[in-house]
Amino acid sequence: MTEIMLKDVDDVLLDRIGRIARRCGWDVSTALMHLLEQGLHAYEGNGELHFEGGEADVLQAAFEALSNVPDDPGFAMIGRPAEKSPFPR
């Protein structure tokens, strides 16, 4: 396997890589390999997301369920001034 060396990496990026490594129980080299692999997968399809297994079906079902939620003028007006109050002042 080819050795990877990172130069001139800012501290914020190093911290993010380190947090992922610790959270997953990996050393930094393993974390970098996983991050590179996942990043390549994201860009190989022109940046399009690809779902695995039934993930696409679940997401589609969620969209369909949300499209069936009726409009509710009460929730839509939260934080907005009423144009005309139905109650006299």
N, C-alpha and C. Protein backbone atom coordinates (compact mmCIF):
# COMPACT_ATOMS: atom_id res chain seq x y z
N MET A 1 0.85 -1.17 0.00
CA MET A 1 0.00 0.00 0.00
C MET A 1 0.90 1.23 0.00
N THR A 2 0.48 2.26 -0.71
CA THR A 2 1.23 3.50 -0.80
C THR A 2 1.07 4.31 0.48
N GLU A 3 2.14 4.92 0.92
CA GLU A 3 2.10 5.76 2.11
C GLU A 3 1.56 7.13 1.72
N ILE A 4 0.69 7.67 2.56
CA ILE A 4 0.11 8.99 2.31
C ILE A 4 0.68 9.96 3.34
N MET A 5 1.16 11.10 2.84
CA MET A 5 1.68 12.13 3.74
C MET A 5 0.89 13.41 3.51
N LEU A 6 0.42 14.01 4.59
CA LEU A 6 -0.28 15.28 4.50
C LEU A 6 0.64 16.40 4.96
N LYS A 7 0.71 17.45 4.16
CA LYS A 7 1.53 18.61 4.51
C LYS A 7 0.65 19.84 4.54
N ASP A 8 0.98 20.76 5.41
CA ASP A 8 0.29 22.05 5.48
C ASP A 8 -1.21 21.91 5.71
N VAL A 9 -1.59 20.99 6.58
CA VAL A 9 -3.00 20.79 6.92
C VAL A 9 -3.30 21.66 8.13
N ASP A 10 -4.39 22.43 8.05
CA ASP A 10 -4.70 23.32 9.17
C ASP A 10 -5.19 22.53 10.38
N ASP A 11 -5.10 23.17 11.53
CA ASP A 11 -5.43 22.51 12.80
C ASP A 11 -6.88 22.07 12.88
N VAL A 12 -7.78 22.85 12.29
CA VAL A 12 -9.21 22.50 12.35
C VAL A 12 -9.46 21.18 11.62
N LEU A 13 -8.86 21.03 10.44
CA LEU A 13 -9.03 19.79 9.69
C LEU A 13 -8.42 18.61 10.43
N LEU A 14 -7.24 18.80 11.00
CA LEU A 14 -6.61 17.72 11.77
C LEU A 14 -7.48 17.32 12.96
N ASP A 15 -8.07 18.30 13.62
CA ASP A 15 -8.94 18.01 14.75
C ASP A 15 -10.16 17.21 14.31
N ARG A 16 -10.75 17.59 13.18
CA ARG A 16 -11.92 16.87 12.68
C ARG A 16 -11.56 15.43 12.34
N ILE A 17 -10.44 15.22 11.69
CA ILE A 17 -10.00 13.86 11.36
C ILE A 17 -9.76 13.06 12.64
N GLY A 18 -9.11 13.69 13.61
CA GLY A 18 -8.84 13.02 14.88
C GLY A 18 -10.11 12.63 15.62
N ARG A 19 -11.12 13.51 15.60
CA ARG A 19 -12.39 13.19 16.26
C ARG A 19 -13.07 12.00 15.61
N ILE A 20 -13.05 11.96 14.28
CA ILE A 20 -13.66 10.83 13.58
C ILE A 20 -12.89 9.55 13.91
N ALA A 21 -11.58 9.62 13.91
CA ALA A 21 -10.77 8.45 14.24
C ALA A 21 -11.10 7.93 15.63
N ARG A 22 -11.15 8.82 16.61
CA ARG A 22 -11.45 8.40 17.99
C ARG A 22 -12.86 7.82 18.09
N ARG A 23 -13.83 8.49 17.47
CA ARG A 23 -15.22 8.03 17.56
C ARG A 23 -15.37 6.64 16.96
N CYS A 24 -14.63 6.35 15.90
CA CYS A 24 -14.75 5.05 15.23
C CYS A 24 -13.76 4.01 15.76
N GLY A 25 -12.85 4.43 16.65
CA GLY A 25 -11.87 3.50 17.18
C GLY A 25 -10.76 3.18 16.20
N TRP A 26 -10.45 4.12 15.28
CA TRP A 26 -9.42 3.92 14.27
C TRP A 26 -8.19 4.74 14.62
N ASP A 27 -7.06 4.34 14.04
CA ASP A 27 -5.91 5.24 14.10
C ASP A 27 -6.10 6.27 12.98
N VAL A 28 -5.28 7.31 12.96
CA VAL A 28 -5.46 8.41 12.01
C VAL A 28 -5.31 7.92 10.57
N SER A 29 -4.37 7.01 10.32
CA SER A 29 -4.17 6.49 8.96
C SER A 29 -5.41 5.77 8.45
N THR A 30 -6.01 4.96 9.29
CA THR A 30 -7.23 4.25 8.90
C THR A 30 -8.36 5.23 8.66
N ALA A 31 -8.48 6.23 9.53
CA ALA A 31 -9.52 7.25 9.35
C ALA A 31 -9.34 7.98 8.03
N LEU A 32 -8.10 8.34 7.69
CA LEU A 32 -7.85 9.02 6.42
C LEU A 32 -8.24 8.15 5.24
N MET A 33 -7.94 6.87 5.30
CA MET A 33 -8.30 5.97 4.20
C MET A 33 -9.82 5.91 4.03
N HIS A 34 -10.55 5.80 5.15
CA HIS A 34 -12.02 5.75 5.07
C HIS A 34 -12.57 7.08 4.54
N LEU A 35 -12.03 8.19 5.02
CA LEU A 35 -12.51 9.50 4.58
C LEU A 35 -12.21 9.73 3.10
N LEU A 36 -11.05 9.33 2.65
CA LEU A 36 -10.73 9.46 1.23
C LEU A 36 -11.67 8.60 0.38
N GLU A 37 -11.91 7.39 0.84
CA GLU A 37 -12.79 6.48 0.09
C GLU A 37 -14.20 7.06 0.00
N GLN A 38 -14.72 7.53 1.13
CA GLN A 38 -16.07 8.09 1.12
C GLN A 38 -16.15 9.37 0.28
N GLY A 39 -15.11 10.19 0.37
CA GLY A 39 -15.08 11.41 -0.44
C GLY A 39 -15.05 11.10 -1.92
N LEU A 40 -14.28 10.09 -2.30
CA LEU A 40 -14.23 9.69 -3.71
C LEU A 40 -15.58 9.16 -4.18
N HIS A 41 -16.24 8.38 -3.34
CA HIS A 41 -17.57 7.88 -3.71
C HIS A 41 -18.53 9.05 -3.95
N ALA A 42 -18.43 10.08 -3.13
CA ALA A 42 -19.32 11.23 -3.27
C ALA A 42 -19.08 11.96 -4.59
N TYR A 43 -17.84 12.04 -5.03
CA TYR A 43 -17.53 12.79 -6.24
C TYR A 43 -17.52 11.97 -7.52
N GLU A 44 -17.44 10.67 -7.43
CA GLU A 44 -17.45 9.85 -8.63
C GLU A 44 -18.75 9.97 -9.39
N GLY A 45 -19.83 10.19 -8.69
CA GLY A 45 -21.13 10.34 -9.33
C GLY A 45 -21.47 11.80 -9.55
N ASN A 46 -20.50 12.65 -9.87
CA ASN A 46 -20.71 14.08 -10.06
C ASN A 46 -21.30 14.75 -8.83
N GLY A 47 -20.95 14.23 -7.67
CA GLY A 47 -21.43 14.82 -6.43
C GLY A 47 -22.83 14.38 -6.04
N GLU A 48 -23.42 13.48 -6.82
CA GLU A 48 -24.76 13.01 -6.52
C GLU A 48 -24.71 12.00 -5.39
N LEU A 49 -25.75 12.00 -4.57
CA LEU A 49 -25.83 11.03 -3.48
C LEU A 49 -26.36 9.71 -4.02
N HIS A 50 -25.84 8.64 -3.50
CA HIS A 50 -26.31 7.31 -3.86
C HIS A 50 -26.70 6.60 -2.58
N PHE A 51 -27.87 6.00 -2.60
CA PHE A 51 -28.34 5.29 -1.42
C PHE A 51 -28.14 3.80 -1.60
N GLU A 52 -27.98 3.12 -0.48
CA GLU A 52 -27.76 1.68 -0.50
C GLU A 52 -29.01 0.96 -0.03
N GLY A 53 -29.21 -0.22 -0.54
CA GLY A 53 -30.31 -1.07 -0.10
C GLY A 53 -31.65 -0.38 -0.24
N GLY A 54 -32.43 -0.41 0.82
CA GLY A 54 -33.76 0.18 0.79
C GLY A 54 -33.81 1.63 1.21
N GLU A 55 -32.64 2.27 1.34
CA GLU A 55 -32.61 3.67 1.79
C GLU A 55 -33.41 4.59 0.87
N ALA A 56 -33.28 4.40 -0.44
CA ALA A 56 -33.99 5.25 -1.39
C ALA A 56 -35.49 5.06 -1.24
N ASP A 57 -35.94 3.83 -1.03
CA ASP A 57 -37.37 3.56 -0.86
C ASP A 57 -37.91 4.22 0.41
N VAL A 58 -37.14 4.16 1.48
CA VAL A 58 -37.57 4.77 2.74
C VAL A 58 -37.66 6.28 2.58
N LEU A 59 -36.67 6.88 1.93
CA LEU A 59 -36.68 8.33 1.72
C LEU A 59 -37.86 8.73 0.84
N GLN A 60 -38.12 7.98 -0.21
CA GLN A 60 -39.26 8.27 -1.09
C GLN A 60 -40.57 8.18 -0.33
N ALA A 61 -40.72 7.17 0.52
CA ALA A 61 -41.94 7.03 1.33
C ALA A 61 -42.10 8.21 2.28
N ALA A 62 -40.99 8.70 2.84
CA ALA A 62 -41.06 9.86 3.73
C ALA A 62 -41.51 11.10 2.96
N PHE A 63 -40.99 11.29 1.75
CA PHE A 63 -41.42 12.43 0.93
C PHE A 63 -42.90 12.34 0.60
N GLU A 64 -43.35 11.15 0.26
CA GLU A 64 -44.77 10.97 -0.06
C GLU A 64 -45.64 11.24 1.16
N ALA A 65 -45.21 10.79 2.33
CA ALA A 65 -45.98 11.04 3.55
C ALA A 65 -46.05 12.54 3.84
N LEU A 66 -44.94 13.23 3.64
CA LEU A 66 -44.94 14.68 3.89
C LEU A 66 -45.81 15.42 2.89
N SER A 67 -45.90 14.93 1.66
CA SER A 67 -46.73 15.62 0.67
C SER A 67 -48.21 15.48 1.00
N ASN A 68 -48.57 14.53 1.84
CA ASN A 68 -49.96 14.35 2.23
C ASN A 68 -50.36 15.13 3.48
N VAL A 69 -49.41 15.86 4.07
CA VAL A 69 -49.72 16.67 5.25
C VAL A 69 -50.51 17.89 4.78
N PRO A 70 -51.70 18.10 5.34
CA PRO A 70 -52.51 19.23 4.88
C PRO A 70 -51.89 20.56 5.29
N ASP A 71 -52.18 21.57 4.48
CA ASP A 71 -51.74 22.93 4.83
C ASP A 71 -52.49 23.36 6.07
N ASP A 72 -51.80 23.96 6.98
CA ASP A 72 -52.41 24.44 8.21
C ASP A 72 -52.07 25.91 8.37
N PRO A 73 -53.02 26.80 8.14
CA PRO A 73 -52.71 28.22 8.23
C PRO A 73 -52.26 28.64 9.63
N GLY A 74 -52.60 27.85 10.64
CA GLY A 74 -52.16 28.19 11.99
C GLY A 74 -50.66 28.08 12.13
N PHE A 75 -50.09 26.95 11.68
CA PHE A 75 -48.64 26.78 11.75
C PHE A 75 -47.93 27.71 10.78
N ALA A 76 -48.53 27.95 9.65
CA ALA A 76 -47.89 28.80 8.64
C ALA A 76 -47.77 30.24 9.13
N MET A 77 -48.60 30.63 10.07
CA MET A 77 -48.60 32.02 10.54
C MET A 77 -47.71 32.24 11.75
N ILE A 78 -47.10 31.21 12.29
CA ILE A 78 -46.25 31.37 13.46
C ILE A 78 -45.10 32.33 13.11
N GLY A 79 -44.96 33.35 13.91
CA GLY A 79 -43.89 34.32 13.73
C GLY A 79 -44.19 35.39 12.70
N ARG A 80 -45.37 35.36 12.10
CA ARG A 80 -45.75 36.37 11.12
C ARG A 80 -46.89 37.21 11.66
N PRO A 81 -46.89 38.50 11.36
CA PRO A 81 -48.00 39.33 11.82
C PRO A 81 -49.28 39.00 11.02
N ALA A 82 -50.37 38.97 11.70
CA ALA A 82 -51.65 38.70 11.03
C ALA A 82 -52.03 39.91 10.19
N GLU A 83 -52.54 39.63 8.98
CA GLU A 83 -52.94 40.74 8.12
C GLU A 83 -54.17 41.44 8.70
N LYS A 84 -55.11 40.69 9.13
CA LYS A 84 -56.32 41.25 9.72
C LYS A 84 -56.79 40.31 10.81
N SER A 85 -56.88 40.78 12.00
CA SER A 85 -57.28 39.93 13.11
C SER A 85 -58.78 39.67 13.06
N PRO A 86 -59.22 38.43 13.27
CA PRO A 86 -60.65 38.14 13.30
C PRO A 86 -61.30 38.62 14.60
N PHE A 87 -60.48 39.05 15.55
CA PHE A 87 -61.00 39.49 16.84
C PHE A 87 -60.91 41.00 16.94
N PRO A 88 -62.01 41.68 17.34
CA PRO A 88 -61.92 43.14 17.51
C PRO A 88 -61.07 43.50 18.71
N ARG A 89 -60.44 44.62 18.65
CA ARG A 89 -59.59 45.07 19.76
C ARG A 89 -60.27 46.12 20.55
